[in-house]
Amino acid sequence: MMPPMCKICGITEHCDIVSFKKTKEQEDFEKSRPKGWTGHPANLVWFCEKHIKIAEKYSNLGKEEAWPKIQKEVG
């Protein structure tokens, strides 16, 4: 798991995870990964309390689709 750090501003305090929609590739990888595999799921992203509401608005999208929309809204 990645340590908490906001994807937008890099702050490491008061962060929480936003779960974006999984892509087919992410689902396939999760089904086929080796037993004992550890790592940070690709669809989970950390955001600070200042930015999490913006990110949550786009959580119904895949991370790659959501990211440009989040950046545009943040400015």
Protein backbone atom coordinates (compact mmCIF):
# COMPACT_ATOMS: atom_id res chain seq x y z
CA MET A 1 0.00 0.00 0.00
CA MET A 2 1.25 3.46 -0.83
CA PRO A 3 1.70 5.82 2.12
CA PRO A 4 -0.86 8.62 2.42
CA MET A 5 0.07 11.55 0.20
CA CYS A 6 -2.39 13.73 -1.69
CA LYS A 7 -2.14 13.12 -5.45
CA ILE A 8 -2.77 16.83 -6.05
CA CYS A 9 -0.71 18.77 -3.51
CA GLY A 10 1.55 16.16 -1.91
CA ILE A 11 0.42 16.82 1.66
CA THR A 12 0.78 13.78 3.92
CA GLU A 13 -1.61 14.70 6.74
CA HIS A 14 -5.37 14.21 6.90
CA CYS A 15 -5.50 12.10 3.73
CA ASP A 16 -8.01 9.47 2.74
CA ILE A 17 -8.41 7.09 -0.18
CA VAL A 18 -10.76 7.54 -3.12
CA SER A 19 -11.71 4.36 -4.94
CA PHE A 20 -12.13 4.95 -8.66
CA LYS A 21 -13.93 2.57 -10.99
CA LYS A 22 -11.75 -0.42 -11.87
CA THR A 23 -10.79 -0.90 -15.48
CA LYS A 24 -11.08 -4.31 -17.15
CA GLU A 25 -7.29 -4.57 -17.08
CA GLN A 26 -7.22 -3.91 -13.32
CA GLU A 27 -9.91 -6.54 -12.72
CA ASP A 28 -8.05 -9.08 -14.88
CA PHE A 29 -4.78 -8.41 -13.04
CA GLU A 30 -6.43 -8.86 -9.64
CA LYS A 31 -7.82 -12.24 -10.76
CA SER A 32 -4.48 -13.45 -12.09
CA ARG A 33 -1.97 -12.02 -9.58
CA PRO A 34 0.21 -14.52 -7.77
CA LYS A 35 -0.71 -15.76 -4.32
CA GLY A 36 0.84 -13.52 -1.67
CA TRP A 37 1.07 -10.54 -4.02
CA THR A 38 1.24 -7.24 -2.20
CA GLY A 39 0.98 -3.77 -3.58
CA HIS A 40 -1.24 -0.75 -3.93
CA PRO A 41 -4.40 -1.31 -5.99
CA ALA A 42 -4.25 0.85 -9.12
CA ASN A 43 -7.73 2.28 -8.66
CA LEU A 44 -7.11 3.64 -5.13
CA VAL A 45 -5.68 7.14 -4.82
CA TRP A 46 -4.90 9.29 -1.77
CA PHE A 47 -6.31 12.83 -1.44
CA CYS A 48 -6.12 15.37 1.39
CA GLU A 49 -9.20 16.81 3.07
CA LYS A 50 -8.97 19.88 0.83
CA HIS A 51 -9.13 17.89 -2.42
CA ILE A 52 -11.05 14.72 -1.57
CA LYS A 53 -14.52 16.11 -2.34
CA ILE A 54 -13.42 17.01 -5.87
CA ALA A 55 -11.95 13.54 -6.43
CA GLU A 56 -15.03 11.81 -5.02
CA LYS A 57 -17.20 13.56 -7.62
CA TYR A 58 -15.39 11.57 -10.30
CA SER A 59 -15.02 8.22 -8.49
CA ASN A 60 -17.57 6.64 -10.84
CA LEU A 61 -14.94 6.98 -13.59
CA GLY A 62 -11.67 5.15 -14.06
CA LYS A 63 -8.64 6.89 -12.55
CA GLU A 64 -7.18 7.81 -15.96
CA GLU A 65 -10.49 9.28 -17.13
CA ALA A 66 -11.11 11.13 -13.86
CA TRP A 67 -7.65 12.70 -13.49
CA PRO A 68 -7.95 15.39 -16.24
CA LYS A 69 -11.35 16.42 -14.88
CA ILE A 70 -9.95 16.71 -11.35
CA GLN A 71 -6.96 18.74 -12.57
CA LYS A 72 -9.21 21.09 -14.51
CA GLU A 73 -11.40 21.67 -11.48
CA VAL A 74 -8.45 22.24 -9.15
CA GLY A 75 -6.92 24.68 -11.62
